[in-house]
Amino acid sequence: MIDDPMDRIAQALERLAPAPRPAPDFSQAPAFVWHVDPDRLEPVPQIARVDLSLLVGVERSRDTLLANTEQFARGLPANNALLWGARGMGKSSLVKSIHGKVHAAHEALRIIELQREDLPTVGRLLNLLRGAPYRFILFCDDLSFGHDDAHYKSLKAVLDGGIEGRPENVVLYATSNRRHLMPRDMIENERGSAINPSEAVEEKVSLSDRFGLWLGFHPCDQDQYLAMIRGYCDAHGVQINDDDLRVQAIEWQATRGSRSGRVAWQFFTDLAGRKGIALA
């Protein structure tokens, strides 16, 4: 009896297809990183973050995002959030710190880091998360899109969810230096050269409108900059009087040509090293 050619083809394809991966064990860790080729969620037992109380100058954004995250962790409706604005002002630090605070009261809350270049695979990731007895914050850091970059279309799978809808146990928090996730000069160029300027950039610009929360981060003033450093000193036991701290911190800021939370931490790291204090 001659085998059906279609049966032989089907059997060959089954042999070539990789075995299905086991469902992730989300009890392993509070955080995971999404990798592809092959698809997998790598557990992160210890998250690099600072205490929420040490984030200075972002109180309004902190309170808004904290309330949204607590609602989500309790199984209540919550919004996707876009944290945008000045570099080094604690956007990604705030996301990780808020997860840590809320996770302490809601152990089923997980955070998953998703790289921008892996956005086209987000549908496969959502399939792993849908229906799991956990709540997931998808965290995409430094999100932006360039000319002819189609990755933004994949992001809509998280924000809108397509025909299935976004899983009710998933929310997206993204950070970006750009409010509309694309450079302003690109927006103006497309508006100026398009036959219908209003439609030329609507699809890309409207992507940011799909985030329910827009949280702006702005450059800090000198008092906030110094308060950040004093908070780090007090938290880590670094002894220095206010006058010396002020002189040294302002000089450090001048050499960097900028003032931000990141610059404050870099100065504090140098100061702790000079004082012989190890940072855990």
C-alpha atoms as a PDB file:
ATOM      1  CA  MET A   1       0.000   0.000   0.000  1.00  0.00           C
ATOM      2  CA  ILE A   2       1.454   3.366  -1.017  1.00  0.00           C
ATOM      3  CA  ASP A   3       1.507   5.978   1.717  1.00  0.00           C
ATOM      4  CA  ASP A   4      -0.403   9.166   1.113  1.00  0.00           C
ATOM      5  CA  PRO A   5       2.175  11.881   0.153  1.00  0.00           C
ATOM      6  CA  MET A   6       0.370  14.382   2.354  1.00  0.00           C
ATOM      7  CA  ASP A   7       0.727  12.050   5.349  1.00  0.00           C
ATOM      8  CA  ARG A   8       4.462  11.756   4.733  1.00  0.00           C
ATOM      9  CA  ILE A   9       4.790  15.529   4.506  1.00  0.00           C
ATOM     10  CA  ALA A  10       2.841  16.000   7.737  1.00  0.00           C
ATOM     11  CA  GLN A  11       5.020  13.442   9.542  1.00  0.00           C
ATOM     12  CA  ALA A  12       8.190  15.140   8.279  1.00  0.00           C
ATOM     13  CA  LEU A  13       6.987  18.517   9.492  1.00  0.00           C
ATOM     14  CA  GLU A  14       6.193  17.080  12.916  1.00  0.00           C
ATOM     15  CA  ARG A  15       9.747  15.722  13.188  1.00  0.00           C
ATOM     16  CA  LEU A  16      11.202  19.096  12.200  1.00  0.00           C
ATOM     17  CA  ALA A  17       9.015  21.146  14.518  1.00  0.00           C
ATOM     18  CA  PRO A  18      10.529  21.825  17.930  1.00  0.00           C
ATOM     19  CA  ALA A  19       8.804  20.298  20.911  1.00  0.00           C
ATOM     20  CA  PRO A  20       6.463  22.724  22.650  1.00  0.00           C
ATOM     21  CA  ARG A  21       8.166  24.535  25.506  1.00  0.00           C
ATOM     22  CA  PRO A  22       6.790  23.926  28.983  1.00  0.00           C
ATOM     23  CA  ALA A  23       4.698  26.659  30.557  1.00  0.00           C
ATOM     24  CA  PRO A  24       6.886  29.096  32.515  1.00  0.00           C
ATOM     25  CA  ASP A  25       7.097  28.643  36.271  1.00  0.00           C
ATOM     26  CA  PHE A  26       6.200  32.143  37.389  1.00  0.00           C
ATOM     27  CA  SER A  27       6.739  31.219  41.030  1.00  0.00           C
ATOM     28  CA  GLN A  28      10.510  31.179  40.422  1.00  0.00           C
ATOM     29  CA  ALA A  29      11.058  34.931  40.695  1.00  0.00           C
ATOM     30  CA  PRO A  30       9.270  38.297  40.922  1.00  0.00           C
ATOM     31  CA  ALA A  31      10.747  39.404  37.576  1.00  0.00           C
ATOM     32  CA  PHE A  32      11.579  37.932  34.187  1.00  0.00           C
ATOM     33  CA  VAL A  33      13.298  39.005  30.978  1.00  0.00           C
ATOM     34  CA  TRP A  34      11.778  37.980  27.640  1.00  0.00           C
ATOM     35  CA  HIS A  35      14.254  36.454  25.171  1.00  0.00           C
ATOM     36  CA  VAL A  36      13.694  35.063  21.702  1.00  0.00           C
ATOM     37  CA  ASP A  37      15.421  32.443  19.489  1.00  0.00           C
ATOM     38  CA  PRO A  38      14.226  30.406  21.285  1.00  0.00           C
ATOM     39  CA  ASP A  39      11.361  32.077  23.122  1.00  0.00           C
ATOM     40  CA  ARG A  40      11.882  31.959  26.868  1.00  0.00           C
ATOM     41  CA  LEU A  41      11.338  33.913  30.063  1.00  0.00           C
ATOM     42  CA  GLU A  42      14.521  34.115  32.119  1.00  0.00           C
ATOM     43  CA  PRO A  43      13.867  34.593  35.850  1.00  0.00           C
ATOM     44  CA  VAL A  44      15.496  37.535  37.655  1.00  0.00           C
ATOM     45  CA  PRO A  45      15.709  36.664  41.361  1.00  0.00           C
ATOM     46  CA  GLN A  46      17.102  40.057  42.413  1.00  0.00           C
ATOM     47  CA  ILE A  47      15.969  43.300  40.766  1.00  0.00           C
ATOM     48  CA  ALA A  48      18.353  46.278  40.634  1.00  0.00           C
ATOM     49  CA  ARG A  49      16.286  49.112  42.107  1.00  0.00           C
ATOM     50  CA  VAL A  50      16.300  51.863  44.691  1.00  0.00           C
ATOM     51  CA  ASP A  51      13.843  52.448  47.506  1.00  0.00           C
ATOM     52  CA  LEU A  52      10.824  54.440  46.383  1.00  0.00           C
ATOM     53  CA  SER A  53      11.389  57.035  49.109  1.00  0.00           C
ATOM     54  CA  LEU A  54      14.749  58.005  47.552  1.00  0.00           C
ATOM     55  CA  LEU A  55      13.212  59.176  44.275  1.00  0.00           C
ATOM     56  CA  VAL A  56      12.977  62.961  44.632  1.00  0.00           C
ATOM     57  CA  GLY A  57      11.243  65.460  42.353  1.00  0.00           C
ATOM     58  CA  VAL A  58       8.818  62.959  40.807  1.00  0.00           C
ATOM     59  CA  GLU A  59       6.167  62.928  43.521  1.00  0.00           C
ATOM     60  CA  ARG A  60       3.140  63.501  41.281  1.00  0.00           C
ATOM     61  CA  SER A  61       4.166  60.807  38.781  1.00  0.00           C
ATOM     62  CA  ARG A  62       5.060  58.487  41.667  1.00  0.00           C
ATOM     63  CA  ASP A  63       1.672  58.814  43.343  1.00  0.00           C
ATOM     64  CA  THR A  64      -0.252  58.379  40.069  1.00  0.00           C
ATOM     65  CA  LEU A  65       1.681  55.318  38.935  1.00  0.00           C
ATOM     66  CA  LEU A  66       1.610  53.779  42.414  1.00  0.00           C
ATOM     67  CA  ALA A  67      -2.198  54.091  42.613  1.00  0.00           C
ATOM     68  CA  ASN A  68      -2.570  52.615  39.108  1.00  0.00           C
ATOM     69  CA  THR A  69      -0.279  49.682  39.968  1.00  0.00           C
ATOM     70  CA  GLU A  70      -2.070  48.950  43.235  1.00  0.00           C
ATOM     71  CA  GLN A  71      -5.400  48.875  41.377  1.00  0.00           C
ATOM     72  CA  PHE A  72      -3.966  46.487  38.819  1.00  0.00           C
ATOM     73  CA  ALA A  73      -2.437  44.204  41.466  1.00  0.00           C
ATOM     74  CA  ARG A  74      -5.840  43.969  43.191  1.00  0.00           C
ATOM     75  CA  GLY A  75      -7.486  42.833  39.954  1.00  0.00           C
ATOM     76  CA  LEU A  76      -9.163  46.188  39.296  1.00  0.00           C
ATOM     77  CA  PRO A  77      -9.107  48.143  36.014  1.00  0.00           C
ATOM     78  CA  ALA A  78      -5.804  49.922  35.340  1.00  0.00           C
ATOM     79  CA  ASN A  79      -4.219  51.874  32.503  1.00  0.00           C
ATOM     80  CA  ASN A  80      -1.125  51.348  30.393  1.00  0.00           C
ATOM     81  CA  ALA A  81       1.383  54.071  31.253  1.00  0.00           C
ATOM     82  CA  LEU A  82       3.911  56.071  29.236  1.00  0.00           C
ATOM     83  CA  LEU A  83       6.628  57.733  31.308  1.00  0.00           C
ATOM     84  CA  TRP A  84       8.253  60.363  29.091  1.00  0.00           C
ATOM     85  CA  GLY A  85      10.604  63.295  29.453  1.00  0.00           C
ATOM     86  CA  ALA A  86      14.068  64.324  30.592  1.00  0.00           C
ATOM     87  CA  ARG A  87      16.902  61.806  30.589  1.00  0.00           C
ATOM     88  CA  GLY A  88      18.170  60.554  33.920  1.00  0.00           C
ATOM     89  CA  MET A  89      15.163  61.685  35.957  1.00  0.00           C
ATOM     90  CA  GLY A  90      14.172  58.256  37.222  1.00  0.00           C
ATOM     91  CA  LYS A  91      11.592  56.963  34.750  1.00  0.00           C
ATOM     92  CA  SER A  92      12.808  53.355  34.712  1.00  0.00           C
ATOM     93  CA  SER A  93      13.823  53.529  38.381  1.00  0.00           C
ATOM     94  CA  LEU A  94      10.281  54.547  39.290  1.00  0.00           C
ATOM     95  CA  VAL A  95       8.739  51.571  37.466  1.00  0.00           C
ATOM     96  CA  LYS A  96      11.049  49.080  39.202  1.00  0.00           C
ATOM     97  CA  SER A  97      10.666  50.716  42.629  1.00  0.00           C
ATOM     98  CA  ILE A  98       6.874  50.792  42.412  1.00  0.00           C
ATOM     99  CA  HIS A  99       6.825  47.130  41.405  1.00  0.00           C
ATOM    100  CA  GLY A 100       8.920  46.333  44.471  1.00  0.00           C
ATOM    101  CA  LYS A 101       6.623  48.236  46.815  1.00  0.00           C
ATOM    102  CA  VAL A 102       3.385  46.789  45.425  1.00  0.00           C
ATOM    103  CA  HIS A 103       4.819  43.266  45.140  1.00  0.00           C
ATOM    104  CA  ALA A 104       5.498  43.315  48.888  1.00  0.00           C
ATOM    105  CA  ALA A 105       1.726  43.433  49.461  1.00  0.00           C
ATOM    106  CA  HIS A 106       0.616  41.513  46.355  1.00  0.00           C
ATOM    107  CA  GLU A 107       2.925  38.559  45.766  1.00  0.00           C
ATOM    108  CA  ALA A 108       1.265  37.562  42.492  1.00  0.00           C
ATOM    109  CA  LEU A 109       2.515  40.744  40.770  1.00  0.00           C
ATOM    110  CA  ARG A 110       5.302  40.075  38.256  1.00  0.00           C
ATOM    111  CA  ILE A 111       7.326  42.413  36.048  1.00  0.00           C
ATOM    112  CA  ILE A 112       8.633  41.303  32.638  1.00  0.00           C
ATOM    113  CA  GLU A 113      11.225  43.315  30.733  1.00  0.00           C
ATOM    114  CA  LEU A 114      10.618  43.442  27.002  1.00  0.00           C
ATOM    115  CA  GLN A 115      13.233  44.875  24.621  1.00  0.00           C
ATOM    116  CA  ARG A 116      12.048  47.222  21.884  1.00  0.00           C
ATOM    117  CA  GLU A 117      13.610  45.054  19.171  1.00  0.00           C
ATOM    118  CA  ASP A 118      11.566  42.071  20.406  1.00  0.00           C
ATOM    119  CA  LEU A 119       8.209  43.818  20.022  1.00  0.00           C
ATOM    120  CA  PRO A 120       7.313  41.725  16.939  1.00  0.00           C
ATOM    121  CA  THR A 121       7.217  38.652  19.218  1.00  0.00           C
ATOM    122  CA  VAL A 122       4.911  40.217  21.794  1.00  0.00           C
ATOM    123  CA  GLY A 123       1.941  38.174  20.590  1.00  0.00           C
ATOM    124  CA  ARG A 124       3.727  34.961  21.542  1.00  0.00           C
ATOM    125  CA  LEU A 125       4.581  36.427  24.930  1.00  0.00           C
ATOM    126  CA  LEU A 126       0.978  37.430  25.578  1.00  0.00           C
ATOM    127  CA  ASN A 127      -0.122  33.864  24.804  1.00  0.00           C
ATOM    128  CA  LEU A 128       2.132  32.630  27.623  1.00  0.00           C
ATOM    129  CA  LEU A 129       0.710  35.169  30.068  1.00  0.00           C
ATOM    130  CA  ARG A 130      -2.973  34.985  29.192  1.00  0.00           C
ATOM    131  CA  GLY A 131      -4.899  33.090  31.837  1.00  0.00           C
ATOM    132  CA  ALA A 132      -1.949  32.613  34.223  1.00  0.00           C
ATOM    133  CA  PRO A 133      -2.856  33.176  37.903  1.00  0.00           C
ATOM    134  CA  TYR A 134      -0.513  36.156  38.135  1.00  0.00           C
ATOM    135  CA  ARG A 135      -0.604  39.859  37.266  1.00  0.00           C
ATOM    136  CA  PHE A 136       2.062  41.062  34.803  1.00  0.00           C
ATOM    137  CA  ILE A 137       3.623  44.450  34.192  1.00  0.00           C
ATOM    138  CA  LEU A 138       5.298  44.433  30.782  1.00  0.00           C
ATOM    139  CA  PHE A 139       8.164  46.921  31.021  1.00  0.00           C
ATOM    140  CA  CYS A 140       9.663  48.382  27.840  1.00  0.00           C
ATOM    141  CA  ASP A 141      12.480  50.829  28.596  1.00  0.00           C
ATOM    142  CA  ASP A 142      13.654  53.622  26.302  1.00  0.00           C
ATOM    143  CA  LEU A 143      10.918  53.119  23.744  1.00  0.00           C
ATOM    144  CA  SER A 144      11.074  55.142  20.516  1.00  0.00           C
ATOM    145  CA  PHE A 145      10.626  54.637  16.803  1.00  0.00           C
ATOM    146  CA  GLY A 146      12.558  55.864  13.786  1.00  0.00           C
ATOM    147  CA  HIS A 147      11.659  56.452  10.170  1.00  0.00           C
ATOM    148  CA  ASP A 148      10.141  53.382   8.447  1.00  0.00           C
ATOM    149  CA  ASP A 149      10.230  51.523  11.779  1.00  0.00           C
ATOM    150  CA  ALA A 150       7.282  49.120  11.793  1.00  0.00           C
ATOM    151  CA  HIS A 151       7.848  47.851  15.348  1.00  0.00           C
ATOM    152  CA  TYR A 152       5.195  50.262  16.596  1.00  0.00           C
ATOM    153  CA  LYS A 153       2.545  48.116  14.917  1.00  0.00           C
ATOM    154  CA  SER A 154       3.485  45.214  17.186  1.00  0.00           C
ATOM    155  CA  LEU A 155       3.054  47.441  20.220  1.00  0.00           C
ATOM    156  CA  LYS A 156      -0.624  47.820  19.388  1.00  0.00           C
ATOM    157  CA  ALA A 157      -1.046  44.139  20.279  1.00  0.00           C
ATOM    158  CA  VAL A 158      -0.304  45.085  23.880  1.00  0.00           C
ATOM    159  CA  LEU A 159      -2.186  48.371  23.916  1.00  0.00           C
ATOM    160  CA  ASP A 160      -5.286  47.273  22.013  1.00  0.00           C
ATOM    161  CA  GLY A 161      -5.044  43.485  21.996  1.00  0.00           C
ATOM    162  CA  GLY A 162      -6.556  42.915  18.567  1.00  0.00           C
ATOM    163  CA  ILE A 163      -9.646  40.744  18.264  1.00  0.00           C
ATOM    164  CA  GLU A 164      -8.923  38.862  21.510  1.00  0.00           C
ATOM    165  CA  GLY A 165      -8.320  42.022  23.493  1.00  0.00           C
ATOM    166  CA  ARG A 166      -5.407  42.650  25.804  1.00  0.00           C
ATOM    167  CA  PRO A 167      -5.201  39.995  28.541  1.00  0.00           C
ATOM    168  CA  GLU A 168      -6.840  41.400  31.659  1.00  0.00           C
ATOM    169  CA  ASN A 169      -3.827  40.310  33.714  1.00  0.00           C
ATOM    170  CA  VAL A 170      -1.327  42.345  31.632  1.00  0.00           C
ATOM    171  CA  VAL A 171      -0.512  46.055  31.661  1.00  0.00           C
ATOM    172  CA  LEU A 172       2.270  47.880  29.792  1.00  0.00           C
ATOM    173  CA  TYR A 173       4.595  50.475  31.323  1.00  0.00           C
ATOM    174  CA  ALA A 174       6.965  52.112  28.845  1.00  0.00           C
ATOM    175  CA  THR A 175       9.563  54.862  29.195  1.00  0.00           C
ATOM    176  CA  SER A 176      10.697  57.239  26.484  1.00  0.00           C
ATOM    177  CA  ASN A 177      12.501  60.536  26.074  1.00  0.00           C
ATOM    178  CA  ARG A 178       9.854  61.446  23.481  1.00  0.00           C
ATOM    179  CA  ARG A 179       6.250  62.238  24.256  1.00  0.00           C
ATOM    180  CA  HIS A 180       5.051  60.941  20.880  1.00  0.00           C
ATOM    181  CA  LEU A 181       7.634  58.115  20.660  1.00  0.00           C
ATOM    182  CA  MET A 182       9.167  59.571  17.473  1.00  0.00           C
ATOM    183  CA  PRO A 183      11.472  62.547  16.811  1.00  0.00           C
ATOM    184  CA  ARG A 184       9.777  65.917  16.360  1.00  0.00           C
ATOM    185  CA  ASP A 185      11.739  66.665  13.172  1.00  0.00           C
ATOM    186  CA  MET A 186      10.442  63.419  11.660  1.00  0.00           C
ATOM    187  CA  ILE A 187       6.870  64.442  12.447  1.00  0.00           C
ATOM    188  CA  GLU A 188       7.404  67.838  10.809  1.00  0.00           C
ATOM    189  CA  ASN A 189       9.122  66.334   7.750  1.00  0.00           C
ATOM    190  CA  GLU A 190       6.306  63.882   7.127  1.00  0.00           C
ATOM    191  CA  ARG A 191       3.682  66.589   7.588  1.00  0.00           C
ATOM    192  CA  GLY A 192       5.479  68.852   5.137  1.00  0.00           C
ATOM    193  CA  SER A 193       5.979  66.267   2.402  1.00  0.00           C
ATOM    194  CA  ALA A 194       2.757  64.275   2.570  1.00  0.00           C
ATOM    195  CA  ILE A 195      -0.225  64.734   0.244  1.00  0.00           C
ATOM    196  CA  ASN A 196      -2.479  64.657   3.291  1.00  0.00           C
ATOM    197  CA  PRO A 197      -0.359  66.057   6.153  1.00  0.00           C
ATOM    198  CA  SER A 198      -2.902  65.324   8.871  1.00  0.00           C
ATOM    199  CA  GLU A 199      -2.928  61.615   8.009  1.00  0.00           C
ATOM    200  CA  ALA A 200       0.803  61.231   7.322  1.00  0.00           C
ATOM    201  CA  VAL A 201       1.806  60.820  10.947  1.00  0.00           C
ATOM    202  CA  GLU A 202      -1.525  60.127  12.607  1.00  0.00           C
ATOM    203  CA  GLU A 203      -0.916  56.384  12.904  1.00  0.00           C
ATOM    204  CA  LYS A 204       2.440  56.773  14.642  1.00  0.00           C
ATOM    205  CA  VAL A 205       1.590  59.788  16.784  1.00  0.00           C
ATOM    206  CA  SER A 206      -1.717  58.256  17.875  1.00  0.00           C
ATOM    207  CA  LEU A 207       0.210  55.331  19.341  1.00  0.00           C
ATOM    208  CA  SER A 208       1.071  57.388  22.416  1.00  0.00           C
ATOM    209  CA  ASP A 209      -2.624  58.302  22.750  1.00  0.00           C
ATOM    210  CA  ARG A 210      -3.337  54.635  23.411  1.00  0.00           C
ATOM    211  CA  PHE A 211      -1.579  54.911  26.784  1.00  0.00           C
ATOM    212  CA  GLY A 212      -4.129  55.820  29.435  1.00  0.00           C
ATOM    213  CA  LEU A 213      -1.516  57.539  31.592  1.00  0.00           C
ATOM    214  CA  TRP A 214       1.045  60.078  30.365  1.00  0.00           C
ATOM    215  CA  LEU A 215       3.518  60.906  33.122  1.00  0.00           C
ATOM    216  CA  GLY A 216       5.955  63.722  32.375  1.00  0.00           C
ATOM    217  CA  PHE A 217       9.466  63.967  33.856  1.00  0.00           C
ATOM    218  CA  HIS A 218      11.272  67.303  33.809  1.00  0.00           C
ATOM    219  CA  PRO A 219      14.811  68.447  34.724  1.00  0.00           C
ATOM    220  CA  CYS A 220      15.336  68.912  38.444  1.00  0.00           C
ATOM    221  CA  ASP A 221      16.393  72.161  40.097  1.00  0.00           C
ATOM    222  CA  GLN A 222      19.467  72.519  42.292  1.00  0.00           C
ATOM    223  CA  ASP A 223      17.611  72.000  45.584  1.00  0.00           C
ATOM    224  CA  GLN A 224      16.101  68.737  44.314  1.00  0.00           C
ATOM    225  CA  TYR A 225      19.501  67.623  43.023  1.00  0.00           C
ATOM    226  CA  LEU A 226      21.085  68.196  46.438  1.00  0.00           C
ATOM    227  CA  ALA A 227      18.134  66.561  48.213  1.00  0.00           C
ATOM    228  CA  MET A 228      18.613  63.421  46.101  1.00  0.00           C
ATOM    229  CA  ILE A 229      22.241  63.163  47.157  1.00  0.00           C
ATOM    230  CA  ARG A 230      21.468  63.825  50.824  1.00  0.00           C
ATOM    231  CA  GLY A 231      18.858  61.060  50.699  1.00  0.00           C
ATOM    232  CA  TYR A 232      21.391  58.599  49.288  1.00  0.00           C
ATOM    233  CA  CYS A 233      23.932  59.588  51.949  1.00  0.00           C
ATOM    234  CA  ASP A 234      21.467  59.103  54.790  1.00  0.00           C
ATOM    235  CA  ALA A 235      20.232  55.769  53.404  1.00  0.00           C
ATOM    236  CA  HIS A 236      23.748  54.332  53.010  1.00  0.00           C
ATOM    237  CA  GLY A 237      25.413  55.870  56.061  1.00  0.00           C
ATOM    238  CA  VAL A 238      27.785  58.211  54.209  1.00  0.00           C
ATOM    239  CA  GLN A 239      28.812  61.021  56.556  1.00  0.00           C
ATOM    240  CA  ILE A 240      29.326  64.509  55.067  1.00  0.00           C
ATOM    241  CA  ASN A 241      28.202  67.937  56.246  1.00  0.00           C
ATOM    242  CA  ASP A 242      25.802  69.985  54.161  1.00  0.00           C
ATOM    243  CA  ASP A 243      28.333  72.664  53.179  1.00  0.00           C
ATOM    244  CA  ASP A 244      30.890  70.170  51.855  1.00  0.00           C
ATOM    245  CA  LEU A 245      28.198  68.172  50.072  1.00  0.00           C
ATOM    246  CA  ARG A 246      26.865  71.312  48.397  1.00  0.00           C
ATOM    247  CA  VAL A 247      30.282  72.478  47.162  1.00  0.00           C
ATOM    248  CA  GLN A 248      31.353  69.076  45.879  1.00  0.00           C
ATOM    249  CA  ALA A 249      28.005  68.204  44.312  1.00  0.00           C
ATOM    250  CA  ILE A 250      27.722  71.515  42.448  1.00  0.00           C
ATOM    251  CA  GLU A 251      31.277  71.153  41.158  1.00  0.00           C
ATOM    252  CA  TRP A 252      30.465  67.616  39.947  1.00  0.00           C
ATOM    253  CA  GLN A 253      27.330  68.898  38.244  1.00  0.00           C
ATOM    254  CA  ALA A 254      29.339  71.654  36.500  1.00  0.00           C
ATOM    255  CA  THR A 255      31.799  69.119  35.060  1.00  0.00           C
ATOM    256  CA  ARG A 256      28.894  67.107  33.643  1.00  0.00           C
ATOM    257  CA  GLY A 257      27.092  70.090  32.186  1.00  0.00           C
ATOM    258  CA  SER A 258      23.760  68.783  33.438  1.00  0.00           C
ATOM    259  CA  ARG A 259      21.730  68.136  36.571  1.00  0.00           C
ATOM    260  CA  SER A 260      19.551  65.059  36.960  1.00  0.00           C
ATOM    261  CA  GLY A 261      18.846  62.096  39.185  1.00  0.00           C
ATOM    262  CA  ARG A 262      21.392  60.066  37.258  1.00  0.00           C
ATOM    263  CA  VAL A 263      24.087  62.705  37.800  1.00  0.00           C
ATOM    264  CA  ALA A 264      23.171  62.813  41.513  1.00  0.00           C
ATOM    265  CA  TRP A 265      23.641  59.039  41.789  1.00  0.00           C
ATOM    266  CA  GLN A 266      26.942  59.168  39.910  1.00  0.00           C
ATOM    267  CA  PHE A 267      28.245  61.823  42.303  1.00  0.00           C
ATOM    268  CA  PHE A 268      27.053  59.800  45.283  1.00  0.00           C
ATOM    269  CA  THR A 269      28.764  56.657  43.948  1.00  0.00           C
ATOM    270  CA  ASP A 270      32.038  58.576  43.694  1.00  0.00           C
ATOM    271  CA  LEU A 271      31.549  60.056  47.177  1.00  0.00           C
ATOM    272  CA  ALA A 272      30.797  56.661  48.748  1.00  0.00           C
ATOM    273  CA  GLY A 273      33.905  55.222  47.139  1.00  0.00           C
ATOM    274  CA  ARG A 274      36.082  58.023  48.505  1.00  0.00           C
ATOM    275  CA  LYS A 275      34.551  57.491  51.965  1.00  0.00           C
ATOM    276  CA  GLY A 276      35.209  53.749  51.818  1.00  0.00           C
ATOM    277  CA  ILE A 277      31.507  52.818  51.940  1.00  0.00           C
ATOM    278  CA  ALA A 278      30.399  49.764  49.968  1.00  0.00           C
ATOM    279  CA  LEU A 279      27.030  49.951  48.230  1.00  0.00           C
ATOM    280  CA  ALA A 280      24.941  46.773  48.451  1.00  0.00           C
END
